[in-house]
Amino acid sequence: MDNIVYLTNLYDYYESLLTEKQKAYFQDYYFNNLSLAEISENNNVSRTAAHKQIKEAENKLKFYEEKLKLYEKSLKIKEIIKNLKEKEEIEKLI
């Protein structure tokens, strides 16, 4: 489950770097909950071809995150902001 959440978060950051076909298959699989059989039937391709497109999209998303680290940086920024807000609340109490 964690991998699914991770990949869908990466998709939010790097969607525009995928091909149209990769986007469509990824969205069908992860967001629309379609099986490989359904995706292959809808696109008139084999299950293997659909699986390959999804795996290529996943690998690209991980590659871009490994190089650019946009998702990792956003998590760190959110944590810093959270800590700043907590610090401000503590200072108000003192």
N, C-alpha and C. Protein backbone atom coordinates (compact mmCIF):
# COMPACT_ATOMS: atom_id res chain seq x y z
N MET A 1 0.83 -1.21 0.00
CA MET A 1 0.00 0.00 0.00
C MET A 1 0.87 1.27 0.00
N ASP A 2 1.95 1.23 0.78
CA ASP A 2 2.83 2.40 0.85
C ASP A 2 3.43 2.73 -0.52
N ASN A 3 3.76 1.70 -1.28
CA ASN A 3 4.33 1.92 -2.61
C ASN A 3 3.33 2.59 -3.54
N ILE A 4 2.06 2.23 -3.41
CA ILE A 4 1.01 2.83 -4.23
C ILE A 4 0.90 4.32 -3.92
N VAL A 5 0.87 4.64 -2.64
CA VAL A 5 0.78 6.05 -2.22
C VAL A 5 2.01 6.82 -2.71
N TYR A 6 3.17 6.21 -2.56
CA TYR A 6 4.41 6.84 -3.00
C TYR A 6 4.38 7.12 -4.50
N LEU A 7 3.99 6.12 -5.29
CA LEU A 7 3.95 6.28 -6.75
C LEU A 7 2.92 7.32 -7.17
N THR A 8 1.77 7.33 -6.54
CA THR A 8 0.75 8.32 -6.92
C THR A 8 1.18 9.73 -6.52
N ASN A 9 1.92 9.85 -5.43
CA ASN A 9 2.47 11.16 -5.08
C ASN A 9 3.53 11.60 -6.08
N LEU A 10 4.38 10.68 -6.49
CA LEU A 10 5.38 11.01 -7.51
C LEU A 10 4.70 11.42 -8.81
N TYR A 11 3.60 10.76 -9.12
CA TYR A 11 2.87 11.08 -10.34
C TYR A 11 2.42 12.54 -10.33
N ASP A 12 2.00 13.03 -9.17
CA ASP A 12 1.59 14.43 -9.06
C ASP A 12 2.72 15.38 -9.43
N TYR A 13 3.93 15.01 -9.12
CA TYR A 13 5.08 15.88 -9.40
C TYR A 13 5.60 15.74 -10.83
N TYR A 14 5.60 14.52 -11.35
CA TYR A 14 6.31 14.25 -12.61
C TYR A 14 5.41 13.80 -13.75
N GLU A 15 4.12 13.94 -13.61
CA GLU A 15 3.17 13.50 -14.65
C GLU A 15 3.53 14.03 -16.03
N SER A 16 3.89 15.27 -16.11
CA SER A 16 4.14 15.89 -17.41
C SER A 16 5.37 15.32 -18.12
N LEU A 17 6.18 14.56 -17.41
CA LEU A 17 7.37 13.97 -18.01
C LEU A 17 7.11 12.57 -18.59
N LEU A 18 5.90 12.08 -18.44
CA LEU A 18 5.53 10.77 -18.99
C LEU A 18 4.89 10.95 -20.36
N THR A 19 4.91 9.88 -21.16
CA THR A 19 4.22 9.92 -22.45
C THR A 19 2.71 9.85 -22.20
N GLU A 20 1.94 10.21 -23.19
CA GLU A 20 0.48 10.16 -23.06
C GLU A 20 -0.01 8.74 -22.75
N LYS A 21 0.60 7.78 -23.41
CA LYS A 21 0.22 6.38 -23.20
C LYS A 21 0.55 5.95 -21.77
N GLN A 22 1.71 6.32 -21.28
CA GLN A 22 2.09 5.98 -19.91
C GLN A 22 1.15 6.64 -18.91
N LYS A 23 0.80 7.89 -19.16
CA LYS A 23 -0.16 8.57 -18.27
C LYS A 23 -1.49 7.84 -18.24
N ALA A 24 -2.00 7.51 -19.42
CA ALA A 24 -3.31 6.86 -19.51
C ALA A 24 -3.31 5.52 -18.78
N TYR A 25 -2.31 4.70 -19.02
CA TYR A 25 -2.25 3.38 -18.39
C TYR A 25 -2.05 3.50 -16.89
N PHE A 26 -1.17 4.43 -16.48
CA PHE A 26 -0.92 4.64 -15.05
C PHE A 26 -2.20 5.08 -14.35
N GLN A 27 -2.91 6.04 -14.94
CA GLN A 27 -4.15 6.53 -14.35
C GLN A 27 -5.20 5.42 -14.27
N ASP A 28 -5.32 4.65 -15.34
CA ASP A 28 -6.28 3.55 -15.33
C ASP A 28 -5.95 2.54 -14.23
N TYR A 29 -4.69 2.23 -14.09
CA TYR A 29 -4.29 1.21 -13.12
C TYR A 29 -4.36 1.72 -11.68
N TYR A 30 -3.80 2.89 -11.41
CA TYR A 30 -3.70 3.38 -10.04
C TYR A 30 -4.89 4.23 -9.58
N PHE A 31 -5.46 5.01 -10.46
CA PHE A 31 -6.54 5.90 -10.05
C PHE A 31 -7.93 5.34 -10.36
N ASN A 32 -8.04 4.63 -11.47
CA ASN A 32 -9.34 4.08 -11.87
C ASN A 32 -9.51 2.62 -11.47
N ASN A 33 -8.48 2.06 -10.83
CA ASN A 33 -8.53 0.69 -10.32
C ASN A 33 -8.86 -0.36 -11.38
N LEU A 34 -8.41 -0.16 -12.60
CA LEU A 34 -8.65 -1.15 -13.64
C LEU A 34 -7.57 -2.23 -13.58
N SER A 35 -7.94 -3.43 -13.92
CA SER A 35 -6.97 -4.53 -13.98
C SER A 35 -6.19 -4.44 -15.28
N LEU A 36 -5.11 -5.20 -15.35
CA LEU A 36 -4.34 -5.24 -16.59
C LEU A 36 -5.20 -5.75 -17.74
N ALA A 37 -6.07 -6.71 -17.45
CA ALA A 37 -6.96 -7.25 -18.49
C ALA A 37 -7.89 -6.16 -19.01
N GLU A 38 -8.45 -5.35 -18.11
CA GLU A 38 -9.35 -4.28 -18.53
C GLU A 38 -8.61 -3.21 -19.33
N ILE A 39 -7.42 -2.86 -18.89
CA ILE A 39 -6.63 -1.85 -19.59
C ILE A 39 -6.26 -2.36 -20.98
N SER A 40 -5.84 -3.61 -21.06
CA SER A 40 -5.46 -4.16 -22.36
C SER A 40 -6.66 -4.25 -23.30
N GLU A 41 -7.81 -4.61 -22.75
CA GLU A 41 -9.03 -4.68 -23.58
C GLU A 41 -9.44 -3.29 -24.07
N ASN A 42 -9.39 -2.31 -23.21
CA ASN A 42 -9.78 -0.95 -23.56
C ASN A 42 -8.86 -0.33 -24.62
N ASN A 43 -7.61 -0.75 -24.63
CA ASN A 43 -6.62 -0.16 -25.53
C ASN A 43 -6.21 -1.08 -26.67
N ASN A 44 -6.86 -2.22 -26.77
CA ASN A 44 -6.57 -3.19 -27.83
C ASN A 44 -5.09 -3.58 -27.88
N VAL A 45 -4.54 -3.86 -26.70
CA VAL A 45 -3.16 -4.32 -26.61
C VAL A 45 -3.13 -5.55 -25.70
N SER A 46 -2.00 -6.23 -25.66
CA SER A 46 -1.87 -7.39 -24.78
C SER A 46 -1.71 -6.93 -23.33
N ARG A 47 -1.95 -7.85 -22.41
CA ARG A 47 -1.75 -7.55 -20.99
C ARG A 47 -0.28 -7.23 -20.74
N THR A 48 0.59 -7.92 -21.46
CA THR A 48 2.03 -7.69 -21.32
C THR A 48 2.39 -6.27 -21.74
N ALA A 49 1.80 -5.80 -22.83
CA ALA A 49 2.07 -4.43 -23.30
C ALA A 49 1.57 -3.40 -22.29
N ALA A 50 0.39 -3.63 -21.72
CA ALA A 50 -0.14 -2.72 -20.71
C ALA A 50 0.75 -2.72 -19.47
N HIS A 51 1.15 -3.91 -19.04
CA HIS A 51 2.03 -4.03 -17.87
C HIS A 51 3.36 -3.32 -18.12
N LYS A 52 3.90 -3.48 -19.30
CA LYS A 52 5.17 -2.85 -19.65
C LYS A 52 5.08 -1.33 -19.57
N GLN A 53 4.00 -0.75 -20.09
CA GLN A 53 3.82 0.71 -20.05
C GLN A 53 3.72 1.21 -18.60
N ILE A 54 2.99 0.46 -17.77
CA ILE A 54 2.84 0.85 -16.37
C ILE A 54 4.19 0.78 -15.66
N LYS A 55 4.93 -0.29 -15.88
CA LYS A 55 6.25 -0.44 -15.25
C LYS A 55 7.22 0.64 -15.73
N GLU A 56 7.18 0.97 -17.00
CA GLU A 56 8.05 2.04 -17.52
C GLU A 56 7.69 3.37 -16.86
N ALA A 57 6.40 3.63 -16.69
CA ALA A 57 5.97 4.86 -16.02
C ALA A 57 6.47 4.88 -14.58
N GLU A 58 6.31 3.76 -13.87
CA GLU A 58 6.78 3.68 -12.48
C GLU A 58 8.28 3.93 -12.41
N ASN A 59 9.03 3.29 -13.30
CA ASN A 59 10.48 3.45 -13.29
C ASN A 59 10.89 4.89 -13.60
N LYS A 60 10.19 5.53 -14.53
CA LYS A 60 10.49 6.93 -14.85
C LYS A 60 10.22 7.83 -13.64
N LEU A 61 9.09 7.60 -12.97
CA LEU A 61 8.75 8.42 -11.81
C LEU A 61 9.82 8.28 -10.73
N LYS A 62 10.25 7.06 -10.48
CA LYS A 62 11.30 6.83 -9.47
C LYS A 62 12.62 7.45 -9.91
N PHE A 63 12.93 7.35 -11.19
CA PHE A 63 14.17 7.93 -11.72
C PHE A 63 14.18 9.45 -11.53
N TYR A 64 13.08 10.10 -11.90
CA TYR A 64 13.02 11.55 -11.77
C TYR A 64 13.11 11.98 -10.31
N GLU A 65 12.48 11.23 -9.42
CA GLU A 65 12.55 11.56 -8.00
C GLU A 65 13.98 11.36 -7.49
N GLU A 66 14.63 10.31 -7.94
CA GLU A 66 16.01 10.05 -7.53
C GLU A 66 16.93 11.20 -7.93
N LYS A 67 16.68 11.77 -9.10
CA LYS A 67 17.53 12.85 -9.61
C LYS A 67 17.12 14.23 -9.07
N LEU A 68 15.82 14.50 -9.05
CA LEU A 68 15.33 15.85 -8.73
C LEU A 68 14.90 16.02 -7.27
N LYS A 69 14.42 14.96 -6.66
CA LYS A 69 14.02 14.94 -5.25
C LYS A 69 12.95 15.99 -4.89
N LEU A 70 12.05 16.27 -5.81
CA LEU A 70 11.01 17.27 -5.53
C LEU A 70 10.06 16.81 -4.43
N TYR A 71 9.67 15.55 -4.47
CA TYR A 71 8.75 15.03 -3.46
C TYR A 71 9.43 15.01 -2.09
N GLU A 72 10.66 14.51 -2.04
CA GLU A 72 11.40 14.47 -0.78
C GLU A 72 11.57 15.86 -0.18
N LYS A 73 11.91 16.83 -1.04
CA LYS A 73 12.08 18.20 -0.56
C LYS A 73 10.78 18.79 -0.05
N SER A 74 9.67 18.47 -0.70
CA SER A 74 8.39 19.02 -0.25
C SER A 74 8.02 18.45 1.12
N LEU A 75 8.34 17.17 1.36
CA LEU A 75 8.08 16.58 2.68
C LEU A 75 8.92 17.26 3.76
N LYS A 76 10.17 17.56 3.44
CA LYS A 76 11.05 18.23 4.39
C LYS A 76 10.55 19.65 4.68
N ILE A 77 10.10 20.34 3.65
CA ILE A 77 9.58 21.69 3.84
C ILE A 77 8.34 21.68 4.71
N LYS A 78 7.45 20.72 4.47
CA LYS A 78 6.24 20.60 5.30
C LYS A 78 6.58 20.32 6.75
N GLU A 79 7.59 19.50 6.99
CA GLU A 79 8.02 19.19 8.35
C GLU A 79 8.61 20.43 9.02
N ILE A 80 9.39 21.21 8.30
CA ILE A 80 9.97 22.44 8.84
C ILE A 80 8.86 23.42 9.20
N ILE A 81 7.89 23.57 8.32
CA ILE A 81 6.77 24.48 8.57
C ILE A 81 5.99 24.04 9.80
N LYS A 82 5.76 22.74 9.90
CA LYS A 82 5.04 22.20 11.06
C LYS A 82 5.80 22.52 12.35
N ASN A 83 7.12 22.31 12.32
CA ASN A 83 7.93 22.60 13.50
C ASN A 83 7.95 24.08 13.83
N LEU A 84 7.95 24.94 12.82
CA LEU A 84 7.92 26.39 13.06
C LEU A 84 6.61 26.79 13.73
N LYS A 85 5.51 26.22 13.25
CA LYS A 85 4.22 26.55 13.84
C LYS A 85 4.15 26.08 15.28
N GLU A 86 4.68 24.89 15.54
CA GLU A 86 4.70 24.38 16.91
C GLU A 86 5.56 25.27 17.80
N LYS A 87 6.69 25.72 17.28
CA LYS A 87 7.59 26.59 18.03
C LYS A 87 6.90 27.91 18.36
N GLU A 88 6.20 28.46 17.37
CA GLU A 88 5.47 29.71 17.59
C GLU A 88 4.40 29.55 18.66
N GLU A 89 3.71 28.43 18.65
CA GLU A 89 2.67 28.17 19.65
C GLU A 89 3.28 28.06 21.04
N ILE A 90 4.43 27.41 21.13
CA ILE A 90 5.13 27.27 22.41
C ILE A 90 5.58 28.64 22.91
N GLU A 91 6.12 29.46 22.01
CA GLU A 91 6.58 30.80 22.39
C GLU A 91 5.43 31.66 22.89
N LYS A 92 4.25 31.48 22.30
CA LYS A 92 3.08 32.25 22.75
C LYS A 92 2.71 31.86 24.18
N LEU A 93 2.90 30.61 24.52
CA LEU A 93 2.55 30.14 25.85
C LEU A 93 3.55 30.60 26.90
N ILE A 94 4.76 30.89 26.48
CA ILE A 94 5.81 31.29 27.45
C ILE A 94 5.68 32.72 27.76
